[in-house]
Amino acid sequence: MKNPLKSQNKLSICTIVIVLLFSSCSSDAAVEQQQDVDTFPQVSASSSNSNASSNVQGLNFIPAAKAVTPGVVHIKTTYQQSRNATGYGSPYEARQAPGMGSGSGVVISTDGYIATNNHVIENATNIEVIFPNRRTYAAKLIGRDPSTDLALLKVDATDLPMVTLGNSDDLEVGAWVLAVGYPFSLNTTVTAGIVSAKSRSIGIINNSLADSPQSNSAIESFIQTDAAINPGNSGGALVDFNGRLVGINTAIASLTGSYAGYAFAVPVNLAKKILDDLRQFGEVRRGLLGVSFPAPATEIAYLKQQGIDPGSIRGVIITGIQKGSAAQAAGLKEGDIIQSIDGTALYSSAEFSERVARRRPGDEVKLTYLRDGKTQTTTARLQADTKETLATNQPSVEELNNKLGAVFSPLSPAIKERLNIGGGVVVSKILIGGFFNQLGIPPGSIIVYINGQTINRTEDIYEALVAAQNSRVQVLGIAPDGSKIAFNFSLGT
């Protein structure tokens, strides 16, 4: 299992670990843990108010379980890993040995397309799909998207059982849901729970994929549930009371690495757009608005820093507009508060990011925003996420420095040796109003990594931020008291 970094709030280390639900083992372990442009079936209008029957007396989950389980598959992967022939760590006897992994998947079309998590199949040399009736197929990887931790597979078969897509927008907190998958490589397992929260951002994608060059635009707006899931459930189905797919199970929050009451799933309305893109184009085509806003973990702190009562704000406050962006063309300005997108009210930046991520370049979005106490509306035509666009919107070093609000100094070799770190720069001064000030990062802190890139010079910081355009940024470092720190902020969407 991958070991994502612990998330933290300011300088205190949080003990809850967010764990990606993928099981893996080495080859000698006793138990494995681990076309045309047609799109997938559209979200049915009949899925509206899908939780109305959740109040059925006796809570009979049998019909939903029977409808779903035939279309949830076991995914087994093989990949090459460097192992030692003797098992005693001799560097002279290293060899490549096959490793094995285990996860889950959801059949979303009768002709063999299967949704799963990116982390289930990443770097796999062979992917095998096993149905509940024991039929086994070799699977082809159609495409993957580290930014949402989704992937699309294809098996050569027809008339397969599939899981009907539901509507995650209609899902309400308190609604009953079922989680279906293959925890610990067990046969099909069904558990029940309720929706605990929606539009939850937990920092798991940037944390776990910080070393991936494709991972610096993480989009997180998870459905949180208390349905029991464990390693091996990754990529499995989260369905409503009527057996319709509302999410792809992805992660848990746990002290031990096993289920502890908190589980997270990618909402199906976001997943559908990503999977349709992968099927049609082999890649995800995202529309960019070109605005910056506080990351979910820092929204309240930012508002307080600006002297704004968080309770008085309904929507997402804009902290920056990128040059030449769709937002600039639509007349948006720094300080505007976006209150709705396409008529849907916004309550968090995580929800805002998800709504934009559902759209493609060239799509128009209608935005309602608050400026100087007055409500206004505008329409923005989203731009393509291309190198040319990024180059046009790329901020200057001065603009980045103003956003960060910090002055940096080189780290001496003696301090590197004492702390046993390979790189880093010291935060020598904090300026009022910048990201570092909003996050409560004190002078004397050491910045070691940004989005997985080692920081040795001030220039490395700016290069890492430029590479992370239109995304969240994760910074890892060391506080003045020697404790490890991790914090995130957003550069835009």
Protein backbone atom coordinates (compact mmCIF):
# COMPACT_ATOMS: atom_id res chain seq x y z
CA MET A 1 0.00 0.00 0.00
CA LYS A 2 1.21 3.47 -0.73
CA ASN A 3 2.01 5.52 2.31
CA PRO A 4 0.72 9.04 1.82
CA LEU A 5 2.10 11.78 4.01
CA LYS A 6 0.23 12.85 7.10
CA SER A 7 -1.83 15.99 6.69
CA GLN A 8 -1.34 18.82 9.13
CA ASN A 9 -3.08 21.93 10.31
CA LYS A 10 -0.52 24.70 10.48
CA LEU A 11 2.28 23.48 12.73
CA SER A 12 0.58 20.71 14.64
CA ILE A 13 0.99 17.21 13.21
CA CYS A 14 -2.34 15.49 12.62
CA THR A 15 -2.40 11.81 13.55
CA ILE A 16 -5.11 10.79 11.09
CA VAL A 17 -3.65 9.32 7.91
CA ILE A 18 -5.62 9.41 4.67
CA VAL A 19 -5.02 6.03 3.02
CA LEU A 20 -5.57 5.13 -0.62
CA LEU A 21 -7.54 1.88 -0.68
CA PHE A 22 -5.15 -0.17 -2.77
CA SER A 23 -3.66 -3.48 -1.58
CA SER A 24 -0.38 -4.84 -2.86
CA CYS A 25 2.11 -7.55 -2.00
CA SER A 26 5.34 -9.02 -3.28
CA SER A 27 5.37 -12.13 -5.43
CA ASP A 28 6.06 -14.51 -2.55
CA ALA A 29 3.26 -13.33 -0.25
CA ALA A 30 0.70 -15.93 0.74
CA VAL A 31 -2.33 -13.71 0.16
CA GLU A 32 -2.73 -11.10 -2.58
CA GLN A 33 -3.83 -7.77 -1.22
CA GLN A 34 -4.41 -5.93 -2.76
CA GLN A 35 -13.90 3.72 -30.69
CA ASP A 36 -16.27 6.13 -31.88
CA VAL A 37 -17.14 9.31 -29.97
CA ASP A 38 -20.15 7.87 -28.19
CA THR A 39 -20.13 8.63 -24.50
CA PHE A 40 -21.18 6.50 -21.59
CA PRO A 41 -24.84 6.35 -20.60
CA GLN A 42 -26.05 9.77 -19.49
CA VAL A 43 -27.20 10.47 -15.96
CA SER A 44 -30.88 9.63 -16.03
CA ALA A 45 -33.43 12.25 -15.17
CA SER A 46 -35.20 9.55 -13.21
CA SER A 47 -32.30 9.52 -10.78
CA SER A 48 -33.50 12.84 -9.39
CA ASN A 49 -34.57 12.50 -5.77
CA SER A 50 -32.87 9.10 -5.80
CA ASN A 51 -32.94 8.96 -2.02
CA ALA A 52 -36.67 9.28 -1.66
CA SER A 53 -36.96 5.53 -1.15
CA SER A 54 -34.26 5.57 1.50
CA ASN A 55 -36.99 5.78 4.09
CA VAL A 56 -38.46 2.40 3.18
CA GLN A 57 -39.37 0.65 6.40
CA GLY A 58 -36.90 -2.09 7.27
CA LEU A 59 -34.13 -0.67 5.03
CA ASN A 60 -34.06 -3.58 2.62
CA PHE A 61 -30.71 -3.34 0.79
CA ILE A 62 -31.13 -6.68 -1.01
CA PRO A 63 -32.47 -5.29 -4.34
CA ALA A 64 -29.65 -2.74 -4.58
CA ALA A 65 -26.98 -5.30 -3.72
CA LYS A 66 -28.32 -7.77 -6.29
CA ALA A 67 -28.40 -5.08 -8.97
CA VAL A 68 -24.84 -3.90 -8.36
CA THR A 69 -22.64 -6.85 -7.44
CA PRO A 70 -22.56 -8.51 -10.92
CA GLY A 71 -21.00 -5.33 -12.34
CA VAL A 72 -18.29 -4.78 -9.70
CA VAL A 73 -15.08 -6.60 -10.58
CA HIS A 74 -11.86 -7.64 -8.91
CA ILE A 75 -8.75 -6.08 -10.49
CA LYS A 76 -5.40 -7.81 -10.12
CA THR A 77 -2.23 -6.13 -11.32
CA THR A 78 1.36 -7.17 -11.91
CA TYR A 79 4.25 -4.76 -11.94
CA GLN A 80 8.05 -4.90 -11.76
CA GLN A 81 9.67 -3.99 -8.49
CA SER A 82 13.27 -4.09 -7.38
CA ARG A 83 13.72 -6.91 -4.88
CA ASN A 84 16.65 -8.63 -3.27
CA ALA A 85 17.25 -12.27 -4.13
CA THR A 86 18.31 -13.26 -0.63
CA GLY A 87 15.98 -10.98 1.30
CA TYR A 88 18.90 -9.68 3.42
CA GLY A 89 19.46 -6.39 1.65
CA SER A 90 22.74 -7.11 -0.18
CA PRO A 91 23.13 -4.44 -2.90
CA TYR A 92 24.98 -6.98 -5.07
CA GLU A 93 22.06 -9.36 -5.38
CA ALA A 94 19.28 -7.04 -6.43
CA ARG A 95 17.02 -8.23 -9.21
CA GLN A 96 13.70 -7.32 -10.79
CA ALA A 97 10.87 -9.43 -9.41
CA PRO A 98 7.16 -9.21 -10.14
CA GLY A 99 4.97 -7.56 -7.54
CA MET A 100 1.21 -7.96 -7.38
CA GLY A 101 -1.63 -5.66 -6.44
CA SER A 102 -5.36 -5.87 -5.90
CA GLY A 103 -8.23 -3.45 -6.23
CA SER A 104 -11.78 -3.11 -7.53
CA GLY A 105 -13.53 -1.76 -10.62
CA VAL A 106 -16.99 -0.88 -11.89
CA VAL A 107 -18.37 -1.97 -15.27
CA ILE A 108 -19.96 1.15 -16.78
CA SER A 109 -20.90 -0.17 -20.23
CA THR A 110 -22.04 -3.54 -21.54
CA ASP A 111 -19.22 -3.59 -24.12
CA GLY A 112 -16.47 -3.80 -21.52
CA TYR A 113 -15.47 -0.34 -20.23
CA ILE A 114 -14.49 -0.42 -16.56
CA ALA A 115 -13.85 2.49 -14.18
CA THR A 116 -11.30 2.25 -11.38
CA ASN A 117 -8.74 4.38 -9.52
CA ASN A 118 -5.52 5.52 -11.11
CA HIS A 119 -3.53 4.32 -8.12
CA VAL A 120 -4.89 0.78 -8.62
CA ILE A 121 -3.35 0.37 -12.09
CA GLU A 122 -0.50 2.91 -12.09
CA ASN A 123 2.77 1.38 -13.39
CA ALA A 124 1.11 -2.02 -13.87
CA THR A 125 2.62 -4.26 -16.56
CA ASN A 126 -0.42 -6.53 -16.61
CA ILE A 127 -4.03 -5.95 -15.60
CA GLU A 128 -6.47 -8.80 -15.01
CA VAL A 129 -10.20 -8.39 -14.38
CA ILE A 130 -12.17 -11.09 -12.58
CA PHE A 131 -15.98 -11.03 -12.52
CA PRO A 132 -18.07 -12.40 -9.63
CA ASN A 133 -18.93 -15.43 -11.80
CA ARG A 134 -15.15 -16.15 -12.02
CA ARG A 135 -14.82 -15.19 -15.67
CA THR A 136 -11.41 -13.60 -16.19
CA TYR A 137 -10.28 -11.11 -18.84
CA ALA A 138 -7.07 -9.32 -19.71
CA ALA A 139 -7.72 -5.58 -19.53
CA LYS A 140 -6.31 -2.77 -21.65
CA LEU A 141 -5.62 0.63 -20.12
CA ILE A 142 -7.53 3.25 -22.13
CA GLY A 143 -6.38 6.22 -20.09
CA ARG A 144 -5.83 7.57 -16.61
CA ASP A 145 -6.10 10.87 -14.78
CA PRO A 146 -3.89 11.33 -11.70
CA SER A 147 -5.58 14.67 -10.95
CA THR A 148 -8.83 12.91 -10.00
CA ASP A 149 -7.30 9.46 -9.32
CA LEU A 150 -9.47 7.85 -11.99
CA ALA A 151 -8.64 5.39 -14.78
CA LEU A 152 -10.54 3.65 -17.58
CA LEU A 153 -10.00 0.03 -18.62
CA LYS A 154 -11.44 -2.06 -21.46
CA VAL A 155 -11.98 -5.80 -21.73
CA ASP A 156 -12.86 -7.61 -24.96
CA ALA A 157 -16.39 -8.76 -24.14
CA THR A 158 -20.02 -7.88 -24.81
CA ASP A 159 -23.34 -8.15 -22.97
CA LEU A 160 -21.63 -7.59 -19.65
CA PRO A 161 -23.54 -6.67 -16.50
CA MET A 162 -23.08 -2.96 -15.80
CA VAL A 163 -23.83 -0.60 -12.95
CA THR A 164 -26.36 2.10 -13.82
CA LEU A 165 -25.06 5.63 -13.35
CA GLY A 166 -26.86 7.77 -10.81
CA ASN A 167 -26.66 11.47 -10.02
CA SER A 168 -24.28 12.51 -7.26
CA ASP A 169 -25.72 16.03 -7.22
CA ASP A 170 -29.01 14.63 -5.91
CA LEU A 171 -27.26 12.71 -3.14
CA GLU A 172 -27.99 14.27 0.24
CA VAL A 173 -26.16 14.10 3.55
CA GLY A 174 -27.83 11.39 5.62
CA ALA A 175 -28.83 9.26 2.62
CA TRP A 176 -28.15 5.53 2.73
CA VAL A 177 -25.42 4.20 0.42
CA LEU A 178 -23.79 0.83 -0.25
CA ALA A 179 -20.07 0.24 -0.87
CA VAL A 180 -19.22 -2.75 -3.07
CA GLY A 181 -15.72 -4.08 -3.74
CA TYR A 182 -13.01 -6.60 -2.92
CA PRO A 183 -11.37 -5.63 0.40
CA PHE A 184 -8.27 -7.67 1.26
CA SER A 185 -8.90 -9.68 -1.94
CA LEU A 186 -12.03 -11.22 -0.46
CA ASN A 187 -14.89 -12.08 -2.78
CA THR A 188 -17.52 -9.44 -3.51
CA THR A 189 -18.27 -7.57 -0.29
CA VAL A 190 -21.18 -5.21 0.35
CA THR A 191 -21.35 -2.77 3.26
CA ALA A 192 -23.87 -0.03 4.11
CA GLY A 193 -23.64 3.43 5.60
CA ILE A 194 -24.80 6.98 5.10
CA VAL A 195 -23.44 10.02 3.34
CA SER A 196 -21.57 11.93 6.04
CA ALA A 197 -20.55 14.96 3.96
CA LYS A 198 -20.13 16.18 0.39
CA SER A 199 -17.51 18.28 -1.43
CA ARG A 200 -14.83 17.11 1.00
CA SER A 201 -11.21 18.00 0.20
CA ILE A 202 -8.62 15.94 2.12
CA GLY A 203 -5.35 16.54 0.24
CA ILE A 204 -4.87 12.85 -0.57
CA ILE A 205 -4.20 13.19 -4.31
CA ASN A 206 -1.37 15.72 -3.98
CA ASN A 207 -0.01 13.85 -0.95
CA SER A 208 0.14 10.43 -2.52
CA LEU A 209 1.14 11.51 -6.01
CA ALA A 210 3.56 14.32 -5.14
CA ASP A 211 6.31 12.66 -7.17
CA SER A 212 4.19 12.40 -10.31
CA PRO A 213 4.65 15.08 -12.96
CA GLN A 214 0.96 14.73 -13.85
CA SER A 215 -0.35 15.20 -10.33
CA ASN A 216 -0.04 18.94 -9.78
CA SER A 217 -3.65 19.80 -10.63
CA ALA A 218 -5.49 17.69 -8.06
CA ILE A 219 -9.27 18.02 -7.99
CA GLU A 220 -10.90 16.81 -4.79
CA SER A 221 -14.57 17.09 -3.92
CA PHE A 222 -15.18 13.73 -2.30
CA ILE A 223 -18.37 12.16 -1.01
CA GLN A 224 -17.66 11.18 2.59
CA THR A 225 -19.44 8.13 3.96
CA ASP A 226 -19.29 5.80 6.95
CA ALA A 227 -19.80 2.65 4.87
CA ALA A 228 -17.03 0.26 5.91
CA ILE A 229 -14.31 -0.10 3.25
CA ASN A 230 -10.72 -1.29 3.48
CA PRO A 231 -7.60 -1.77 1.34
CA GLY A 232 -8.71 -3.49 -1.86
CA ASN A 233 -11.94 -1.45 -2.11
CA SER A 234 -10.18 1.14 -4.30
CA GLY A 235 -12.06 1.65 -7.55
CA GLY A 236 -15.20 -0.07 -6.28
CA ALA A 237 -18.76 1.20 -6.37
CA LEU A 238 -20.59 3.53 -4.04
CA VAL A 239 -24.29 3.26 -4.90
CA ASP A 240 -27.50 4.81 -3.65
CA PHE A 241 -30.41 2.96 -2.08
CA ASN A 242 -31.71 2.06 -5.54
CA GLY A 243 -28.42 0.57 -6.73
CA ARG A 244 -27.31 3.50 -8.94
CA LEU A 245 -23.63 4.46 -9.01
CA VAL A 246 -22.98 7.72 -7.17
CA GLY A 247 -19.23 7.43 -6.53
CA ILE A 248 -15.96 5.54 -6.98
CA ASN A 249 -14.49 4.53 -3.60
CA THR A 250 -10.97 5.91 -3.26
CA ALA A 251 -9.63 6.51 0.27
CA ILE A 252 -10.17 6.21 4.00
CA ALA A 253 -9.11 8.30 6.99
CA SER A 254 -7.56 6.01 9.57
CA LEU A 255 -5.10 5.77 12.44
CA THR A 256 -4.19 2.20 11.50
CA GLY A 257 -4.50 1.91 7.73
CA SER A 258 -7.80 0.05 8.04
CA TYR A 259 -11.37 1.32 8.25
CA ALA A 260 -12.01 3.71 11.14
CA GLY A 261 -15.31 5.30 10.16
CA TYR A 262 -14.42 7.72 7.38
CA ALA A 263 -14.40 6.81 3.69
CA PHE A 264 -14.18 8.96 0.55
CA ALA A 265 -15.45 8.51 -3.01
CA VAL A 266 -15.09 10.48 -6.25
CA PRO A 267 -18.60 11.73 -7.16
CA VAL A 268 -19.99 10.07 -10.29
CA ASN A 269 -20.94 13.34 -11.99
CA LEU A 270 -17.25 14.32 -12.01
CA ALA A 271 -16.12 10.77 -12.83
CA LYS A 272 -18.45 10.56 -15.82
CA LYS A 273 -16.87 13.59 -17.51
CA ILE A 274 -13.34 12.31 -16.85
CA LEU A 275 -14.14 8.81 -18.10
CA ASP A 276 -15.93 10.13 -21.21
CA ASP A 277 -12.83 12.19 -22.03
CA LEU A 278 -10.56 9.19 -21.58
CA ARG A 279 -12.78 7.10 -23.83
CA GLN A 280 -13.05 9.71 -26.59
CA PHE A 281 -9.60 11.30 -26.52
CA GLY A 282 -7.35 9.07 -24.39
CA GLU A 283 -6.73 12.08 -22.14
CA VAL A 284 -8.69 14.56 -20.05
CA ARG A 285 -9.51 17.89 -21.65
CA ARG A 286 -10.12 20.50 -18.98
CA GLY A 287 -11.57 23.95 -19.31
CA LEU A 288 -9.73 26.68 -17.42
CA LEU A 289 -11.38 29.72 -15.86
CA GLY A 290 -8.14 31.32 -14.64
CA VAL A 291 -8.88 32.39 -11.08
CA SER A 292 -7.07 31.83 -7.79
CA PHE A 293 -8.77 31.23 -4.45
CA PRO A 294 -7.83 29.94 -0.98
CA ALA A 295 -7.41 26.18 -0.66
CA PRO A 296 -10.21 24.51 1.33
CA ALA A 297 -8.01 24.06 4.41
CA THR A 298 -7.16 27.78 4.51
CA GLU A 299 -10.40 29.49 3.48
CA ILE A 300 -11.45 30.45 7.00
CA ALA A 301 -7.94 31.55 7.99
CA TYR A 302 -7.67 33.68 4.86
CA LEU A 303 -10.98 35.44 5.45
CA LYS A 304 -10.11 36.19 9.07
CA GLN A 305 -6.71 37.50 7.96
CA GLN A 306 -8.52 39.92 5.64
CA GLY A 307 -10.82 41.03 8.45
CA ILE A 308 -13.82 39.27 6.94
CA ASP A 309 -16.28 37.28 9.06
CA PRO A 310 -16.31 33.77 7.45
CA GLY A 311 -19.97 33.47 8.41
CA SER A 312 -20.81 36.46 6.24
CA ILE A 313 -19.42 34.89 3.07
CA ARG A 314 -21.51 32.59 0.91
CA GLY A 315 -19.40 31.50 -2.02
CA VAL A 316 -15.74 31.47 -3.06
CA ILE A 317 -13.58 34.58 -2.75
CA ILE A 318 -11.26 35.27 -5.68
CA THR A 319 -7.70 36.13 -4.69
CA GLY A 320 -6.25 36.53 -8.17
CA ILE A 321 -7.08 36.69 -11.88
CA GLN A 322 -4.65 35.28 -14.44
CA LYS A 323 -3.65 37.46 -17.37
CA GLY A 324 -5.42 36.64 -20.62
CA SER A 325 -7.71 34.15 -18.88
CA ALA A 326 -11.38 33.42 -19.38
CA ALA A 327 -12.05 35.07 -16.03
CA GLN A 328 -10.36 38.29 -17.08
CA ALA A 329 -12.29 38.34 -20.36
CA ALA A 330 -15.53 37.87 -18.39
CA GLY A 331 -14.74 40.90 -16.23
CA LEU A 332 -14.03 39.15 -12.94
CA LYS A 333 -11.73 40.90 -10.48
CA GLU A 334 -9.74 40.05 -7.38
CA GLY A 335 -11.99 40.28 -4.34
CA ASP A 336 -15.13 39.12 -6.16
CA ILE A 337 -17.09 36.40 -4.39
CA ILE A 338 -18.44 33.78 -6.81
CA GLN A 339 -21.74 32.61 -5.37
CA SER A 340 -23.04 30.26 -8.04
CA ILE A 341 -21.99 28.51 -11.24
CA ASP A 342 -24.65 27.63 -13.83
CA GLY A 343 -27.32 28.30 -11.24
CA THR A 344 -25.83 25.99 -8.57
CA ALA A 345 -25.01 27.75 -5.30
CA LEU A 346 -21.42 27.39 -4.08
CA TYR A 347 -20.38 26.84 -0.49
CA SER A 348 -16.71 25.81 -0.82
CA SER A 349 -13.74 26.07 -3.16
CA ALA A 350 -13.68 22.26 -3.43
CA GLU A 351 -17.18 22.33 -4.89
CA PHE A 352 -16.19 25.19 -7.21
CA SER A 353 -13.17 23.25 -8.54
CA GLU A 354 -15.32 20.19 -9.20
CA ARG A 355 -17.96 22.18 -11.08
CA VAL A 356 -15.33 23.75 -13.36
CA ALA A 357 -13.60 20.37 -13.81
CA ARG A 358 -16.81 18.94 -15.28
CA ARG A 359 -16.55 21.29 -18.24
CA ARG A 360 -14.43 21.24 -21.39
CA PRO A 361 -12.51 23.96 -23.24
CA GLY A 362 -14.92 26.20 -25.13
CA ASP A 363 -17.80 25.53 -22.73
CA GLU A 364 -19.54 28.58 -21.33
CA VAL A 365 -20.26 28.88 -17.62
CA LYS A 366 -22.65 31.38 -16.08
CA LEU A 367 -21.29 32.91 -12.88
CA THR A 368 -23.09 34.93 -10.25
CA TYR A 369 -20.76 36.96 -8.05
CA LEU A 370 -20.81 39.59 -5.35
CA ARG A 371 -18.82 42.82 -5.77
CA ASP A 372 -19.03 45.80 -3.42
CA GLY A 373 -22.18 44.35 -1.92
CA LYS A 374 -23.97 44.07 -5.26
CA THR A 375 -24.86 40.82 -7.04
CA GLN A 376 -23.77 40.62 -10.68
CA THR A 377 -23.68 37.95 -13.37
CA THR A 378 -21.30 37.15 -16.21
CA THR A 379 -20.56 34.38 -18.69
CA ALA A 380 -17.07 32.97 -19.20
CA ARG A 381 -15.88 30.77 -22.07
CA LEU A 382 -13.37 28.29 -20.63
CA GLN A 383 -9.94 28.03 -22.20
CA ALA A 384 -7.96 24.92 -23.08
CA ASP A 385 -5.37 23.59 -20.64
CA THR A 386 -2.46 23.82 -23.09
CA LYS A 387 1.17 24.82 -22.86
CA GLU A 388 0.36 27.92 -24.88
CA THR A 389 -2.39 28.92 -22.45
CA LEU A 390 -0.16 28.33 -19.45
CA ALA A 391 2.63 30.36 -21.02
CA THR A 392 0.22 33.23 -21.68
CA ASN A 393 -1.15 33.14 -18.13
CA GLN A 394 2.19 32.55 -16.44
CA PRO A 395 2.73 35.10 -13.65
CA SER A 396 5.99 36.91 -13.14
CA VAL A 397 8.40 36.12 -10.33
CA GLU A 398 7.31 39.36 -8.68
CA GLU A 399 3.64 38.34 -8.81
CA LEU A 400 4.43 34.90 -7.34
CA ASN A 401 6.52 36.49 -4.62
CA ASN A 402 3.66 38.83 -3.72
CA LYS A 403 1.28 35.88 -3.50
CA LEU A 404 3.59 33.92 -1.23
CA GLY A 405 4.43 36.90 0.96
CA ALA A 406 7.77 35.52 2.14
CA VAL A 407 11.49 36.16 1.83
CA PHE A 408 13.82 33.15 1.55
CA SER A 409 17.47 32.53 2.41
CA PRO A 410 19.85 29.67 1.52
CA LEU A 411 20.19 26.79 3.95
CA SER A 412 23.71 26.17 5.19
CA PRO A 413 25.36 22.75 4.68
CA ALA A 414 25.72 22.43 8.46
CA ILE A 415 21.97 22.73 9.02
CA LYS A 416 21.28 20.26 6.21
CA GLU A 417 23.61 17.78 7.84
CA ARG A 418 22.16 18.34 11.31
CA LEU A 419 18.58 17.85 10.06
CA ASN A 420 19.58 15.06 7.67
CA ILE A 421 17.87 16.67 4.67
CA GLY A 422 19.13 16.95 1.10
CA GLY A 423 17.83 20.43 0.37
CA GLY A 424 15.79 23.32 1.62
CA VAL A 425 15.57 27.09 2.00
CA VAL A 426 14.83 29.12 5.13
CA VAL A 427 11.82 31.41 5.40
CA SER A 428 13.64 34.48 6.71
CA LYS A 429 10.70 36.91 6.66
CA ILE A 430 6.89 36.76 6.45
CA LEU A 431 4.90 39.58 4.84
CA ILE A 432 1.37 40.49 5.91
CA GLY A 433 -1.36 39.27 3.56
CA GLY A 434 0.55 36.54 1.68
CA PHE A 435 -0.18 32.81 1.61
CA PHE A 436 2.47 32.03 4.22
CA ASN A 437 1.03 34.61 6.59
CA GLN A 438 -2.49 33.26 6.05
CA LEU A 439 -1.30 29.72 6.81
CA GLY A 440 0.50 30.76 9.99
CA ILE A 441 3.96 29.70 8.82
CA PRO A 442 6.51 31.42 11.08
CA PRO A 443 9.91 32.82 10.12
CA GLY A 444 12.64 30.22 10.53
CA SER A 445 10.65 27.45 8.86
CA ILE A 446 12.48 25.40 6.22
CA ILE A 447 10.84 24.62 2.87
CA VAL A 448 12.10 21.25 1.61
CA TYR A 449 9.65 20.15 -1.11
CA ILE A 450 6.99 21.76 -3.30
CA ASN A 451 4.79 19.26 -5.13
CA GLY A 452 7.50 16.64 -4.69
CA GLN A 453 10.28 18.82 -6.14
CA THR A 454 13.33 19.34 -3.93
CA ILE A 455 13.94 23.01 -3.10
CA ASN A 456 17.55 24.19 -2.88
CA ARG A 457 17.29 27.78 -4.10
CA THR A 458 14.70 30.55 -4.16
CA GLU A 459 14.53 30.03 -7.93
CA ASP A 460 13.43 26.42 -7.33
CA ILE A 461 10.37 27.72 -5.49
CA TYR A 462 9.26 29.87 -8.40
CA GLU A 463 9.95 27.11 -10.93
CA ALA A 464 7.85 24.66 -8.91
CA LEU A 465 4.99 27.16 -8.66
CA VAL A 466 5.08 27.95 -12.37
CA ALA A 467 4.97 24.20 -13.10
CA ALA A 468 1.91 23.97 -10.83
CA GLN A 469 -0.16 26.58 -12.63
CA ASN A 470 -3.95 26.31 -12.21
CA SER A 471 -3.55 23.83 -9.38
CA ARG A 472 -3.14 23.25 -5.72
CA VAL A 473 0.32 23.45 -4.26
CA GLN A 474 1.63 21.21 -1.51
CA VAL A 475 4.58 22.42 0.54
CA LEU A 476 6.51 20.11 2.87
CA GLY A 477 9.02 21.41 5.36
CA ILE A 478 10.30 21.71 8.90
CA ALA A 479 9.04 24.14 11.54
CA PRO A 480 11.46 26.12 13.78
CA ASP A 481 10.83 23.63 16.61
CA GLY A 482 11.95 20.74 14.38
CA SER A 483 8.49 19.28 13.70
CA LYS A 484 7.45 18.40 10.17
CA ILE A 485 4.91 20.63 8.45
CA ALA A 486 2.71 20.13 5.39
CA PHE A 487 0.33 22.68 3.95
CA ASN A 488 -1.59 23.30 0.74
CA PHE A 489 -2.87 26.33 -1.13
CA SER A 490 -4.48 26.91 -4.52
CA LEU A 491 -3.10 28.75 -7.54
CA GLY A 492 -6.41 28.61 -9.37
CA THR A 493 -8.78 26.65 -11.57
